[in-house]
């Protein structure tokens, strides 16, 4: 399982189109994702000030596009990048992203 933090508007659009395709896909050619242990750091760096976020759990085996683990910013940590839109059938879970008082992500039960 890999994870994507999405803005609510992008998730609502996916529900109407049947595929998740965030702005980074058009801008960079892939959708940024993260392993579970990377999600908090991604949230802290890029999303902590944004309201209305959704956490998506994506099953790689249900994707028909390549997923490459790479670091495009020059670091050493590899992140999963999804090279195409994500069909809703590959999203096995979604939940409004919630955090505790210290900004730690509260993972949905069963995730």
PDB file of N, CA and C in Angstrom:
ATOM      1  N   UNK A   1       0.837  -1.172   0.000  1.00  0.00           N
ATOM      2  CA  UNK A   1       0.000   0.000   0.000  1.00  0.00           C
ATOM      3  C   UNK A   1       0.883   1.236   0.000  1.00  0.00           C
ATOM      4  N   UNK A   2       0.515   2.199  -0.844  1.00  0.00           N
ATOM      5  CA  UNK A   2       1.161   3.508  -0.822  1.00  0.00           C
ATOM      6  C   UNK A   2       0.075   4.548  -0.559  1.00  0.00           C
ATOM      7  N   UNK A   3       0.502   5.730  -0.191  1.00  0.00           N
ATOM      8  CA  UNK A   3      -0.445   6.740   0.275  1.00  0.00           C
ATOM      9  C   UNK A   3      -0.237   8.055  -0.452  1.00  0.00           C
ATOM     10  N   UNK A   4      -1.338   8.771  -0.557  1.00  0.00           N
ATOM     11  CA  UNK A   4      -1.318  10.100  -1.169  1.00  0.00           C
ATOM     12  C   UNK A   4      -2.141  11.035  -0.296  1.00  0.00           C
ATOM     13  N   UNK A   5      -1.582  12.178   0.039  1.00  0.00           N
ATOM     14  CA  UNK A   5      -2.342  13.239   0.680  1.00  0.00           C
ATOM     15  C   UNK A   5      -2.901  14.084  -0.456  1.00  0.00           C
ATOM     16  N   UNK A   6      -4.210  14.244  -0.470  1.00  0.00           N
ATOM     17  CA  UNK A   6      -4.863  14.965  -1.562  1.00  0.00           C
ATOM     18  C   UNK A   6      -5.700  16.110  -1.019  1.00  0.00           C
ATOM     19  N   UNK A   7      -5.811  17.137  -1.789  1.00  0.00           N
ATOM     20  CA  UNK A   7      -6.732  18.203  -1.440  1.00  0.00           C
ATOM     21  C   UNK A   7      -8.146  17.704  -1.727  1.00  0.00           C
ATOM     22  N   UNK A   8      -9.079  18.107  -0.888  1.00  0.00           N
ATOM     23  CA  UNK A   8     -10.446  17.626  -0.998  1.00  0.00           C
ATOM     24  C   UNK A   8     -11.031  17.892  -2.387  1.00  0.00           C
ATOM     25  N   UNK A   9     -10.764  19.039  -2.960  1.00  0.00           N
ATOM     26  CA  UNK A   9     -11.293  19.358  -4.294  1.00  0.00           C
ATOM     27  C   UNK A   9     -10.813  18.355  -5.337  1.00  0.00           C
ATOM     28  N   UNK A  10      -9.548  17.934  -5.252  1.00  0.00           N
ATOM     29  CA  UNK A  10      -9.016  16.950  -6.205  1.00  0.00           C
ATOM     30  C   UNK A  10      -9.677  15.591  -6.005  1.00  0.00           C
ATOM     31  N   UNK A  11      -9.969  15.228  -4.750  1.00  0.00           N
ATOM     32  CA  UNK A  11     -10.631  13.956  -4.473  1.00  0.00           C
ATOM     33  C   UNK A  11     -12.084  13.987  -4.972  1.00  0.00           C
ATOM     34  N   UNK A  12     -12.771  15.091  -4.747  1.00  0.00           N
ATOM     35  CA  UNK A  12     -14.148  15.200  -5.228  1.00  0.00           C
ATOM     36  C   UNK A  12     -14.209  15.133  -6.752  1.00  0.00           C
ATOM     37  N   UNK A  13     -13.238  15.727  -7.409  1.00  0.00           N
ATOM     38  CA  UNK A  13     -13.163  15.629  -8.872  1.00  0.00           C
ATOM     39  C   UNK A  13     -12.958  14.176  -9.285  1.00  0.00           C
ATOM     40  N   UNK A  14     -12.109  13.450  -8.560  1.00  0.00           N
ATOM     41  CA  UNK A  14     -11.864  12.040  -8.875  1.00  0.00           C
ATOM     42  C   UNK A  14     -13.145  11.226  -8.740  1.00  0.00           C
ATOM     43  N   UNK A  15     -13.935  11.531  -7.731  1.00  0.00           N
ATOM     44  CA  UNK A  15     -15.185  10.800  -7.546  1.00  0.00           C
ATOM     45  C   UNK A  15     -16.135  11.006  -8.719  1.00  0.00           C
ATOM     46  N   UNK A  16     -16.060  12.167  -9.356  1.00  0.00           N
ATOM     47  CA  UNK A  16     -16.947  12.419 -10.491  1.00  0.00           C
ATOM     48  C   UNK A  16     -16.386  11.902 -11.815  1.00  0.00           C
ATOM     49  N   UNK A  17     -15.056  11.777 -11.915  1.00  0.00           N
ATOM     50  CA  UNK A  17     -14.445  11.329 -13.177  1.00  0.00           C
ATOM     51  C   UNK A  17     -14.065   9.854 -13.176  1.00  0.00           C
ATOM     52  N   UNK A  18     -13.931   9.268 -11.978  1.00  0.00           N
ATOM     53  CA  UNK A  18     -13.548   7.865 -11.885  1.00  0.00           C
ATOM     54  C   UNK A  18     -12.057   7.626 -11.783  1.00  0.00           C
ATOM     55  N   UNK A  19     -11.260   8.696 -11.859  1.00  0.00           N
ATOM     56  CA  UNK A  19      -9.804   8.578 -11.709  1.00  0.00           C
ATOM     57  C   UNK A  19      -9.276   9.756 -10.910  1.00  0.00           C
ATOM     58  N   UNK A  20      -8.232   9.489 -10.119  1.00  0.00           N
ATOM     59  CA  UNK A  20      -7.553  10.546  -9.381  1.00  0.00           C
ATOM     60  C   UNK A  20      -6.362  10.997 -10.207  1.00  0.00           C
ATOM     61  N   UNK A  21      -6.336  12.283 -10.531  1.00  0.00           N
ATOM     62  CA  UNK A  21      -5.231  12.859 -11.293  1.00  0.00           C
ATOM     63  C   UNK A  21      -4.964  14.250 -10.730  1.00  0.00           C
ATOM     64  N   UNK A  22      -4.064  14.346  -9.788  1.00  0.00           N
ATOM     65  CA  UNK A  22      -3.764  15.607  -9.122  1.00  0.00           C
ATOM     66  C   UNK A  22      -2.969  16.535 -10.035  1.00  0.00           C
ATOM     67  N   UNK A  23      -2.890  17.818  -9.690  1.00  0.00           N
ATOM     68  CA  UNK A  23      -2.162  18.769 -10.527  1.00  0.00           C
ATOM     69  C   UNK A  23      -0.704  18.403 -10.779  1.00  0.00           C
ATOM     70  N   UNK A  24      -0.062  17.679  -9.845  1.00  0.00           N
ATOM     71  CA  UNK A  24       1.340  17.316 -10.079  1.00  0.00           C
ATOM     72  C   UNK A  24       1.499  16.358 -11.251  1.00  0.00           C
ATOM     73  N   UNK A  25       0.485  15.592 -11.579  1.00  0.00           N
ATOM     74  CA  UNK A  25       0.578  14.698 -12.742  1.00  0.00           C
ATOM     75  C   UNK A  25       0.763  15.510 -14.014  1.00  0.00           C
ATOM     76  N   UNK A  26      -0.027  16.549 -14.175  1.00  0.00           N
ATOM     77  CA  UNK A  26       0.091  17.395 -15.361  1.00  0.00           C
ATOM     78  C   UNK A  26       1.385  18.207 -15.341  1.00  0.00           C
ATOM     79  N   UNK A  27       1.729  18.708 -14.166  1.00  0.00           N
ATOM     80  CA  UNK A  27       2.891  19.586 -14.022  1.00  0.00           C
ATOM     81  C   UNK A  27       4.217  18.830 -14.114  1.00  0.00           C
ATOM     82  N   UNK A  28       4.284  17.623 -13.471  1.00  0.00           N
ATOM     83  CA  UNK A  28       5.558  16.917 -13.374  1.00  0.00           C
ATOM     84  C   UNK A  28       5.593  15.572 -14.087  1.00  0.00           C
ATOM     85  N   UNK A  29       4.423  15.101 -14.525  1.00  0.00           N
ATOM     86  CA  UNK A  29       4.377  13.832 -15.235  1.00  0.00           C
ATOM     87  C   UNK A  29       4.131  12.626 -14.342  1.00  0.00           C
ATOM     88  N   UNK A  30       3.957  12.851 -13.043  1.00  0.00           N
ATOM     89  CA  UNK A  30       3.658  11.761 -12.114  1.00  0.00           C
ATOM     90  C   UNK A  30       2.935  12.315 -10.898  1.00  0.00           C
ATOM     91  N   UNK A  31       2.293  11.411 -10.161  1.00  0.00           N
ATOM     92  CA  UNK A  31       1.615  11.759  -8.918  1.00  0.00           C
ATOM     93  C   UNK A  31       2.535  11.375  -7.765  1.00  0.00           C
ATOM     94  N   UNK A  32       2.826  12.338  -6.920  1.00  0.00           N
ATOM     95  CA  UNK A  32       3.638  12.067  -5.736  1.00  0.00           C
ATOM     96  C   UNK A  32       2.858  11.188  -4.764  1.00  0.00           C
ATOM     97  N   UNK A  33       3.507  10.189  -4.221  1.00  0.00           N
ATOM     98  CA  UNK A  33       2.915   9.321  -3.205  1.00  0.00           C
ATOM     99  C   UNK A  33       3.976   9.076  -2.135  1.00  0.00           C
ATOM    100  N   UNK A  34       3.630   8.276  -1.148  1.00  0.00           N
ATOM    101  CA  UNK A  34       4.565   8.009  -0.055  1.00  0.00           C
ATOM    102  C   UNK A  34       4.296   6.642   0.543  1.00  0.00           C
ATOM    103  N   UNK A  35       5.336   6.063   1.098  1.00  0.00           N
ATOM    104  CA  UNK A  35       5.189   4.871   1.919  1.00  0.00           C
ATOM    105  C   UNK A  35       4.600   5.333   3.252  1.00  0.00           C
ATOM    106  N   UNK A  36       4.035   4.434   4.005  1.00  0.00           N
ATOM    107  CA  UNK A  36       3.401   4.828   5.274  1.00  0.00           C
ATOM    108  C   UNK A  36       4.356   5.627   6.166  1.00  0.00           C
ATOM    109  N   UNK A  37       5.579   5.185   6.301  1.00  0.00           N
ATOM    110  CA  UNK A  37       6.546   5.863   7.157  1.00  0.00           C
ATOM    111  C   UNK A  37       6.985   7.228   6.644  1.00  0.00           C
ATOM    112  N   UNK A  38       6.627   7.573   5.430  1.00  0.00           N
ATOM    113  CA  UNK A  38       7.000   8.865   4.857  1.00  0.00           C
ATOM    114  C   UNK A  38       5.868   9.892   4.915  1.00  0.00           C
ATOM    115  N   UNK A  39       4.661   9.432   5.188  1.00  0.00           N
ATOM    116  CA  UNK A  39       3.488  10.307   5.087  1.00  0.00           C
ATOM    117  C   UNK A  39       3.580  11.498   6.043  1.00  0.00           C
ATOM    118  N   UNK A  40       3.973  11.271   7.279  1.00  0.00           N
ATOM    119  CA  UNK A  40       4.044  12.378   8.246  1.00  0.00           C
ATOM    120  C   UNK A  40       5.009  13.455   7.765  1.00  0.00           C
ATOM    121  N   UNK A  41       6.177  13.059   7.284  1.00  0.00           N
ATOM    122  CA  UNK A  41       7.147  14.039   6.791  1.00  0.00           C
ATOM    123  C   UNK A  41       6.628  14.816   5.603  1.00  0.00           C
ATOM    124  N   UNK A  42       5.937  14.143   4.694  1.00  0.00           N
ATOM    125  CA  UNK A  42       5.339  14.824   3.539  1.00  0.00           C
ATOM    126  C   UNK A  42       4.293  15.827   4.021  1.00  0.00           C
ATOM    127  N   UNK A  43       3.460  15.392   4.956  1.00  0.00           N
ATOM    128  CA  UNK A  43       2.458  16.298   5.517  1.00  0.00           C
ATOM    129  C   UNK A  43       3.127  17.531   6.132  1.00  0.00           C
ATOM    130  N   UNK A  44       4.147  17.301   6.953  1.00  0.00           N
ATOM    131  CA  UNK A  44       4.827  18.409   7.627  1.00  0.00           C
ATOM    132  C   UNK A  44       5.441  19.396   6.633  1.00  0.00           C
ATOM    133  N   UNK A  45       6.043  18.877   5.561  1.00  0.00           N
ATOM    134  CA  UNK A  45       6.732  19.736   4.588  1.00  0.00           C
ATOM    135  C   UNK A  45       5.783  20.473   3.655  1.00  0.00           C
ATOM    136  N   UNK A  46       4.717  19.819   3.221  1.00  0.00           N
ATOM    137  CA  UNK A  46       3.927  20.384   2.120  1.00  0.00           C
ATOM    138  C   UNK A  46       2.460  20.666   2.423  1.00  0.00           C
ATOM    139  N   UNK A  47       1.900  20.072   3.446  1.00  0.00           N
ATOM    140  CA  UNK A  47       0.456  20.151   3.610  1.00  0.00           C
ATOM    141  C   UNK A  47      -0.031  20.687   4.951  1.00  0.00           C
ATOM    142  N   UNK A  48       0.839  20.900   5.917  1.00  0.00           N
ATOM    143  CA  UNK A  48       0.388  21.212   7.276  1.00  0.00           C
ATOM    144  C   UNK A  48      -0.445  22.487   7.361  1.00  0.00           C
ATOM    145  N   UNK A  49      -0.298  23.390   6.444  1.00  0.00           N
ATOM    146  CA  UNK A  49      -1.055  24.647   6.469  1.00  0.00           C
ATOM    147  C   UNK A  49      -2.294  24.607   5.573  1.00  0.00           C
ATOM    148  N   UNK A  50      -2.529  23.484   4.909  1.00  0.00           N
ATOM    149  CA  UNK A  50      -3.664  23.401   3.982  1.00  0.00           C
ATOM    150  C   UNK A  50      -4.868  22.761   4.667  1.00  0.00           C
ATOM    151  N   UNK A  51      -6.033  23.332   4.455  1.00  0.00           N
ATOM    152  CA  UNK A  51      -7.244  22.746   5.046  1.00  0.00           C
ATOM    153  C   UNK A  51      -7.834  21.674   4.130  1.00  0.00           C
ATOM    154  N   UNK A  52      -8.758  20.914   4.647  1.00  0.00           N
ATOM    155  CA  UNK A  52      -9.548  19.956   3.880  1.00  0.00           C
ATOM    156  C   UNK A  52      -8.694  19.009   3.038  1.00  0.00           C
ATOM    157  N   UNK A  53      -7.999  18.138   3.734  1.00  0.00           N
ATOM    158  CA  UNK A  53      -7.154  17.152   3.072  1.00  0.00           C
ATOM    159  C   UNK A  53      -7.753  15.758   3.233  1.00  0.00           C
ATOM    160  N   UNK A  54      -7.459  14.914   2.271  1.00  0.00           N
ATOM    161  CA  UNK A  54      -7.919  13.529   2.284  1.00  0.00           C
ATOM    162  C   UNK A  54      -6.691  12.636   2.177  1.00  0.00           C
ATOM    163  N   UNK A  55      -6.656  11.585   2.972  1.00  0.00           N
ATOM    164  CA  UNK A  55      -5.586  10.597   2.884  1.00  0.00           C
ATOM    165  C   UNK A  55      -6.110   9.420   2.067  1.00  0.00           C
ATOM    166  N   UNK A  56      -5.395   9.079   1.003  1.00  0.00           N
ATOM    167  CA  UNK A  56      -5.783   7.979   0.118  1.00  0.00           C
ATOM    168  C   UNK A  56      -4.834   6.812   0.307  1.00  0.00           C
ATOM    169  N   UNK A  57      -5.381   5.618   0.392  1.00  0.00           N
ATOM    170  CA  UNK A  57      -4.590   4.385   0.445  1.00  0.00           C
ATOM    171  C   UNK A  57      -4.719   3.723  -0.922  1.00  0.00           C
ATOM    172  N   UNK A  58      -3.607   3.583  -1.611  1.00  0.00           N
ATOM    173  CA  UNK A  58      -3.598   3.093  -2.990  1.00  0.00           C
ATOM    174  C   UNK A  58      -2.904   1.735  -3.051  1.00  0.00           C
ATOM    175  N   UNK A  59      -3.584   0.769  -3.640  1.00  0.00           N
ATOM    176  CA  UNK A  59      -3.024  -0.567  -3.839  1.00  0.00           C
ATOM    177  C   UNK A  59      -2.279  -0.584  -5.170  1.00  0.00           C
ATOM    178  N   UNK A  60      -0.954  -0.635  -5.093  1.00  0.00           N
ATOM    179  CA  UNK A  60      -0.129  -0.622  -6.312  1.00  0.00           C
ATOM    180  C   UNK A  60      -0.499  -1.725  -7.293  1.00  0.00           C
ATOM    181  N   UNK A  61      -0.899  -2.880  -6.778  1.00  0.00           N
ATOM    182  CA  UNK A  61      -1.189  -4.011  -7.673  1.00  0.00           C
ATOM    183  C   UNK A  61      -2.417  -3.753  -8.538  1.00  0.00           C
ATOM    184  N   UNK A  62      -3.205  -2.757  -8.206  1.00  0.00           N
ATOM    185  CA  UNK A  62      -4.394  -2.429  -8.989  1.00  0.00           C
ATOM    186  C   UNK A  62      -4.152  -1.300  -9.987  1.00  0.00           C
ATOM    187  N   UNK A  63      -2.933  -0.811 -10.043  1.00  0.00           N
ATOM    188  CA  UNK A  63      -2.599   0.257 -10.984  1.00  0.00           C
ATOM    189  C   UNK A  63      -2.196  -0.336 -12.331  1.00  0.00           C
ATOM    190  N   UNK A  64      -2.528   0.364 -13.385  1.00  0.00           N
ATOM    191  CA  UNK A  64      -2.139  -0.068 -14.727  1.00  0.00           C
ATOM    192  C   UNK A  64      -1.044   0.825 -15.297  1.00  0.00           C
ATOM    193  N   UNK A  65      -0.536   1.726 -14.478  1.00  0.00           N
ATOM    194  CA  UNK A  65       0.547   2.626 -14.874  1.00  0.00           C
ATOM    195  C   UNK A  65       1.755   2.328 -13.994  1.00  0.00           C
ATOM    196  N   UNK A  66       2.941   2.679 -14.465  1.00  0.00           N
ATOM    197  CA  UNK A  66       4.144   2.399 -13.673  1.00  0.00           C
ATOM    198  C   UNK A  66       4.208   3.181 -12.361  1.00  0.00           C
ATOM    199  N   UNK A  67       4.784   2.538 -11.358  1.00  0.00           N
ATOM    200  CA  UNK A  67       5.137   3.200 -10.101  1.00  0.00           C
ATOM    201  C   UNK A  67       6.650   3.045  -9.970  1.00  0.00           C
ATOM    202  N   UNK A  68       7.321   4.164  -9.853  1.00  0.00           N
ATOM    203  CA  UNK A  68       8.777   4.145  -9.708  1.00  0.00           C
ATOM    204  C   UNK A  68       9.148   4.772  -8.377  1.00  0.00           C
ATOM    205  N   UNK A  69      10.065   4.131  -7.678  1.00  0.00           N
ATOM    206  CA  UNK A  69      10.572   4.702  -6.432  1.00  0.00           C
ATOM    207  C   UNK A  69      11.844   5.463  -6.778  1.00  0.00           C
ATOM    208  N   UNK A  70      11.781   6.749  -6.539  1.00  0.00           N
ATOM    209  CA  UNK A  70      12.891   7.613  -6.942  1.00  0.00           C
ATOM    210  C   UNK A  70      12.888   8.874  -6.097  1.00  0.00           C
ATOM    211  N   UNK A  71      13.984   9.596  -6.189  1.00  0.00           N
ATOM    212  CA  UNK A  71      14.094  10.885  -5.535  1.00  0.00           C
ATOM    213  C   UNK A  71      14.453  11.884  -6.612  1.00  0.00           C
ATOM    214  N   UNK A  72      13.517  12.747  -6.937  1.00  0.00           N
ATOM    215  CA  UNK A  72      13.742  13.713  -8.018  1.00  0.00           C
ATOM    216  C   UNK A  72      14.262  15.048  -7.503  1.00  0.00           C
ATOM    217  N   UNK A  73      14.472  15.156  -6.188  1.00  0.00           N
ATOM    218  CA  UNK A  73      14.944  16.431  -5.643  1.00  0.00           C
ATOM    219  C   UNK A  73      16.399  16.380  -5.192  1.00  0.00           C
ATOM    220  N   UNK A  74      17.085  15.299  -5.510  1.00  0.00           N
ATOM    221  CA  UNK A  74      18.503  15.219  -5.201  1.00  0.00           C
ATOM    222  C   UNK A  74      18.847  14.574  -3.876  1.00  0.00           C
ATOM    223  N   UNK A  75      17.851  14.154  -3.117  1.00  0.00           N
ATOM    224  CA  UNK A  75      18.118  13.495  -1.842  1.00  0.00           C
ATOM    225  C   UNK A  75      18.351  12.005  -2.041  1.00  0.00           C
ATOM    226  N   UNK A  76      18.358  11.273  -0.941  1.00  0.00           N
ATOM    227  CA  UNK A  76      18.597   9.834  -1.029  1.00  0.00           C
ATOM    228  C   UNK A  76      17.351   8.995  -0.732  1.00  0.00           C
ATOM    229  N   UNK A  77      16.339   9.606  -0.090  1.00  0.00           N
ATOM    230  CA  UNK A  77      15.130   8.863   0.248  1.00  0.00           C
ATOM    231  C   UNK A  77      14.275   8.675  -1.002  1.00  0.00           C
ATOM    232  N   UNK A  78      13.859   7.435  -1.252  1.00  0.00           N
ATOM    233  CA  UNK A  78      13.059   7.135  -2.431  1.00  0.00           C
ATOM    234  C   UNK A  78      11.573   7.211  -2.100  1.00  0.00           C
ATOM    235  N   UNK A  79      10.825   7.857  -2.980  1.00  0.00           N
ATOM    236  CA  UNK A  79       9.386   8.001  -2.837  1.00  0.00           C
ATOM    237  C   UNK A  79       8.701   7.354  -4.036  1.00  0.00           C
ATOM    238  N   UNK A  80       7.539   6.749  -3.824  1.00  0.00           N
ATOM    239  CA  UNK A  80       6.805   6.194  -4.966  1.00  0.00           C
ATOM    240  C   UNK A  80       6.164   7.306  -5.795  1.00  0.00           C
ATOM    241  N   UNK A  81       6.399   7.238  -7.086  1.00  0.00           N
ATOM    242  CA  UNK A  81       5.797   8.172  -8.029  1.00  0.00           C
ATOM    243  C   UNK A  81       4.923   7.368  -8.981  1.00  0.00           C
ATOM    244  N   UNK A  82       3.683   7.796  -9.140  1.00  0.00           N
ATOM    245  CA  UNK A  82       2.706   7.088  -9.969  1.00  0.00           C
ATOM    246  C   UNK A  82       2.630   7.801 -11.313  1.00  0.00           C
ATOM    247  N   UNK A  83       3.017   7.113 -12.372  1.00  0.00           N
ATOM    248  CA  UNK A  83       3.131   7.727 -13.688  1.00  0.00           C
ATOM    249  C   UNK A  83       1.847   7.596 -14.511  1.00  0.00           C
ATOM    250  N   UNK A  84       0.789   8.150 -13.962  1.00  0.00           N
ATOM    251  CA  UNK A  84      -0.487   8.182 -14.660  1.00  0.00           C
ATOM    252  C   UNK A  84      -1.609   8.328 -13.667  1.00  0.00           C
ATOM    253  N   UNK A  85      -2.828   8.482 -14.173  1.00  0.00           N
ATOM    254  CA  UNK A  85      -3.969   8.625 -13.269  1.00  0.00           C
ATOM    255  C   UNK A  85      -4.244   7.346 -12.493  1.00  0.00           C
ATOM    256  N   UNK A  86      -4.835   7.507 -11.315  1.00  0.00           N
ATOM    257  CA  UNK A  86      -5.146   6.385 -10.433  1.00  0.00           C
ATOM    258  C   UNK A  86      -6.640   6.077 -10.535  1.00  0.00           C
ATOM    259  N   UNK A  87      -7.006   4.896 -11.039  1.00  0.00           N
ATOM    260  CA  UNK A  87      -8.429   4.546 -11.077  1.00  0.00           C
ATOM    261  C   UNK A  87      -8.964   4.370  -9.654  1.00  0.00           C
ATOM    262  N   UNK A  88     -10.223   4.721  -9.456  1.00  0.00           N
ATOM    263  CA  UNK A  88     -10.795   4.616  -8.119  1.00  0.00           C
ATOM    264  C   UNK A  88     -10.744   3.193  -7.580  1.00  0.00           C
ATOM    265  N   UNK A  89     -10.733   2.201  -8.466  1.00  0.00           N
ATOM    266  CA  UNK A  89     -10.650   0.801  -8.029  1.00  0.00           C
ATOM    267  C   UNK A  89      -9.336   0.510  -7.315  1.00  0.00           C
ATOM    268  N   UNK A  90      -8.308   1.343  -7.520  1.00  0.00           N
ATOM    269  CA  UNK A  90      -7.013   1.153  -6.852  1.00  0.00           C
ATOM    270  C   UNK A  90      -6.960   1.856  -5.502  1.00  0.00           C
ATOM    271  N   UNK A  91      -7.929   2.718  -5.219  1.00  0.00           N
ATOM    272  CA  UNK A  91      -7.976   3.437  -3.946  1.00  0.00           C
ATOM    273  C   UNK A  91      -8.796   2.591  -2.979  1.00  0.00           C
ATOM    274  N   UNK A  92      -8.101   1.868  -2.112  1.00  0.00           N
ATOM    275  CA  UNK A  92      -8.783   0.949  -1.200  1.00  0.00           C
ATOM    276  C   UNK A  92      -9.295   1.622   0.064  1.00  0.00           C
ATOM    277  N   UNK A  93      -8.855   2.837   0.300  1.00  0.00           N
ATOM    278  CA  UNK A  93      -9.341   3.572   1.451  1.00  0.00           C
ATOM    279  C   UNK A  93      -9.149   5.059   1.246  1.00  0.00           C
ATOM    280  N   UNK A  94     -10.055   5.821   1.812  1.00  0.00           N
ATOM    281  CA  UNK A  94      -9.913   7.274   1.822  1.00  0.00           C
ATOM    282  C   UNK A  94     -10.573   7.806   3.093  1.00  0.00           C
ATOM    283  N   UNK A  95      -9.971   8.836   3.644  1.00  0.00           N
ATOM    284  CA  UNK A  95     -10.487   9.427   4.876  1.00  0.00           C
ATOM    285  C   UNK A  95     -10.013  10.862   4.969  1.00  0.00           C
ATOM    286  N   UNK A  96     -10.856  11.706   5.563  1.00  0.00           N
ATOM    287  CA  UNK A  96     -10.403  13.059   5.835  1.00  0.00           C
ATOM    288  C   UNK A  96      -9.178  12.976   6.731  1.00  0.00           C
ATOM    289  N   UNK A  97      -8.155  13.701   6.382  1.00  0.00           N
ATOM    290  CA  UNK A  97      -6.917  13.669   7.161  1.00  0.00           C
ATOM    291  C   UNK A  97      -7.123  14.474   8.437  1.00  0.00           C
ATOM    292  N   UNK A  98      -6.848  13.829   9.554  1.00  0.00           N
ATOM    293  CA  UNK A  98      -6.971  14.478  10.851  1.00  0.00           C
ATOM    294  C   UNK A  98      -5.650  14.362  11.596  1.00  0.00           C
ATOM    295  N   UNK A  99      -5.385  15.362  12.417  1.00  0.00           N
ATOM    296  CA  UNK A  99      -4.157  15.365  13.204  1.00  0.00           C
ATOM    297  C   UNK A  99      -4.490  15.622  14.665  1.00  0.00           C
ATOM    298  N   UNK A 100      -3.544  15.256  15.517  1.00  0.00           N
ATOM    299  CA  UNK A 100      -3.716  15.560  16.938  1.00  0.00           C
ATOM    300  C   UNK A 100      -3.211  16.981  17.205  1.00  0.00           C
ATOM    301  N   UNK A 101      -3.198  17.385  18.463  1.00  0.00           N
ATOM    302  CA  UNK A 101      -2.804  18.745  18.839  1.00  0.00           C
ATOM    303  C   UNK A 101      -1.351  19.057  18.490  1.00  0.00           C
ATOM    304  N   UNK A 102      -0.527  18.008  18.325  1.00  0.00           N
ATOM    305  CA  UNK A 102       0.886  18.203  17.978  1.00  0.00           C
ATOM    306  C   UNK A 102       1.139  18.102  16.476  1.00  0.00           C
ATOM    307  N   UNK A 103       0.082  17.955  15.681  1.00  0.00           N
ATOM    308  CA  UNK A 103       0.235  17.876  14.239  1.00  0.00           C
ATOM    309  C   UNK A 103       0.553  16.487  13.719  1.00  0.00           C
ATOM    310  N   UNK A 104       0.430  15.476  14.564  1.00  0.00           N
ATOM    311  CA  UNK A 104       0.667  14.095  14.118  1.00  0.00           C
ATOM    312  C   UNK A 104      -0.592  13.550  13.468  1.00  0.00           C
ATOM    313  N   UNK A 105      -0.417  12.896  12.353  1.00  0.00           N
ATOM    314  CA  UNK A 105      -1.550  12.330  11.631  1.00  0.00           C
ATOM    315  C   UNK A 105      -2.205  11.240  12.467  1.00  0.00           C
ATOM    316  N   UNK A 106      -3.515  11.291  12.535  1.00  0.00           N
ATOM    317  CA  UNK A 106      -4.310  10.251  13.190  1.00  0.00           C
ATOM    318  C   UNK A 106      -4.783   9.287  12.091  1.00  0.00           C
ATOM    319  N   UNK A 107      -4.176   8.127  12.053  1.00  0.00           N
ATOM    320  CA  UNK A 107      -4.491   7.164  10.997  1.00  0.00           C
ATOM    321  C   UNK A 107      -5.872   6.542  11.241  1.00  0.00           C
ATOM    322  N   UNK A 108      -6.648   6.367  10.182  1.00  0.00           N
ATOM    323  CA  UNK A 108      -7.949   5.714  10.336  1.00  0.00           C
ATOM    324  C   UNK A 108      -7.790   4.296  10.883  1.00  0.00           C
ATOM    325  N   UNK A 109      -8.779   3.843  11.653  1.00  0.00           N
ATOM    326  CA  UNK A 109      -8.760   2.484  12.174  1.00  0.00           C
ATOM    327  C   UNK A 109      -8.608   1.483  11.036  1.00  0.00           C
ATOM    328  N   UNK A 110      -7.773   0.478  11.250  1.00  0.00           N
ATOM    329  CA  UNK A 110      -7.581  -0.572  10.257  1.00  0.00           C
ATOM    330  C   UNK A 110      -6.573  -0.280   9.179  1.00  0.00           C
ATOM    331  N   UNK A 111      -5.998   0.913   9.195  1.00  0.00           N
ATOM    332  CA  UNK A 111      -4.998   1.256   8.184  1.00  0.00           C
ATOM    333  C   UNK A 111      -3.638   0.896   8.715  1.00  0.00           C
TER     334      UNK A 111
END
